[in-house]
């Protein structure tokens, strides 16, 4: 049996129009509400929690085929771009 692979996508966002961390949480509420409920994904804000102008989130998935993990994370990134009102400054993807 082949060992499972792990895919981690880290997204760095610029957040406009948020004066407080509470405002930023509203902008990113869909991250947990939508993608956090997907059975094959885990999402977490991993940095910049106290900065209303920046956000860093990671999305993690696992499976037997690294190509499928890459594709899944690309599709999630496209969906996030369409849903979250904050531009992505940088995306890093690691597949093990």
Protein backbone atom coordinates (compact mmCIF):
# COMPACT_ATOMS: atom_id res chain seq x y z
CA UNK A 1 0.00 0.00 0.00
CA UNK A 2 1.31 3.41 -0.97
CA UNK A 3 1.68 6.00 1.79
CA UNK A 4 -0.71 8.97 1.71
CA UNK A 5 0.54 12.32 0.47
CA UNK A 6 -0.07 15.67 2.12
CA UNK A 7 -0.80 18.91 0.28
CA UNK A 8 -0.49 22.29 2.00
CA UNK A 9 -1.43 25.56 0.30
CA UNK A 10 -0.58 28.77 2.14
CA UNK A 11 -2.27 31.96 0.95
CA UNK A 12 -1.11 35.45 1.90
CA UNK A 13 -3.84 38.10 1.52
CA UNK A 14 -3.90 41.90 1.49
CA UNK A 15 -7.02 43.03 3.30
CA UNK A 16 -8.54 46.41 2.42
CA UNK A 17 -11.24 48.31 4.28
CA UNK A 18 -10.86 46.54 7.61
CA UNK A 19 -10.09 48.76 10.56
CA UNK A 20 -10.27 46.02 13.18
CA UNK A 21 -9.53 42.33 13.48
CA UNK A 22 -13.27 41.80 13.92
CA UNK A 23 -13.86 43.37 10.48
CA UNK A 24 -11.24 41.04 8.99
CA UNK A 25 -12.93 38.01 10.57
CA UNK A 26 -16.14 38.93 8.74
CA UNK A 27 -14.29 39.08 5.40
CA UNK A 28 -12.80 35.63 5.97
CA UNK A 29 -15.78 33.93 7.62
CA UNK A 30 -16.36 31.89 4.44
CA UNK A 31 -12.96 30.23 4.79
CA UNK A 32 -14.15 28.11 7.70
CA UNK A 33 -17.84 28.10 6.79
CA UNK A 34 -17.33 26.77 3.25
CA UNK A 35 -13.95 25.07 2.97
CA UNK A 36 -13.70 24.08 6.62
CA UNK A 37 -16.72 21.81 6.12
CA UNK A 38 -15.25 19.99 3.14
CA UNK A 39 -14.45 16.42 4.25
CA UNK A 40 -11.07 16.38 2.50
CA UNK A 41 -9.85 19.82 3.66
CA UNK A 42 -8.63 21.50 6.82
CA UNK A 43 -8.30 25.31 6.96
CA UNK A 44 -6.71 27.62 9.51
CA UNK A 45 -5.53 31.19 9.81
CA UNK A 46 -1.85 30.62 10.59
CA UNK A 47 -0.36 34.13 10.81
CA UNK A 48 -1.23 37.84 10.91
CA UNK A 49 -4.15 37.20 13.26
CA UNK A 50 -3.70 40.60 14.95
CA UNK A 51 -3.19 42.60 11.73
CA UNK A 52 -6.43 43.85 10.11
CA UNK A 53 -4.55 44.58 6.85
CA UNK A 54 -3.05 41.13 6.27
CA UNK A 55 -4.17 37.52 6.51
CA UNK A 56 -2.34 34.23 6.08
CA UNK A 57 -4.35 31.03 5.75
CA UNK A 58 -3.39 27.43 5.05
CA UNK A 59 -5.52 24.79 3.37
CA UNK A 60 -4.47 21.17 3.89
CA UNK A 61 -5.59 18.01 2.10
CA UNK A 62 -4.36 14.43 1.93
CA UNK A 63 -4.66 11.56 -0.53
CA UNK A 64 -2.89 8.84 -2.50
CA UNK A 65 -2.03 10.85 -5.66
CA UNK A 66 0.07 14.05 -5.55
CA UNK A 67 -1.34 15.20 -8.92
CA UNK A 68 -4.88 15.04 -7.57
CA UNK A 69 -3.84 16.99 -4.47
CA UNK A 70 -2.27 19.69 -6.69
CA UNK A 71 -5.45 19.88 -8.78
CA UNK A 72 -7.70 19.99 -5.71
CA UNK A 73 -5.71 22.83 -4.15
CA UNK A 74 -5.75 24.79 -7.44
CA UNK A 75 -9.53 24.45 -7.59
CA UNK A 76 -9.85 25.60 -3.98
CA UNK A 77 -7.65 28.63 -4.71
CA UNK A 78 -9.86 29.59 -7.68
CA UNK A 79 -12.96 29.28 -5.49
CA UNK A 80 -11.37 31.39 -2.75
CA UNK A 81 -10.46 34.08 -5.29
CA UNK A 82 -14.09 34.18 -6.43
CA UNK A 83 -15.54 34.25 -2.91
CA UNK A 84 -13.17 36.19 -0.62
CA UNK A 85 -12.96 39.97 -1.12
CA UNK A 86 -9.20 40.26 -0.60
CA UNK A 87 -6.43 39.90 -3.18
CA UNK A 88 -3.94 37.07 -2.79
CA UNK A 89 -0.39 38.43 -2.58
CA UNK A 90 1.34 35.06 -2.64
CA UNK A 91 0.47 31.37 -2.83
CA UNK A 92 2.78 28.59 -1.73
CA UNK A 93 1.97 24.93 -2.35
CA UNK A 94 3.86 22.01 -0.86
CA UNK A 95 3.07 18.40 -1.72
CA UNK A 96 4.77 15.59 0.22
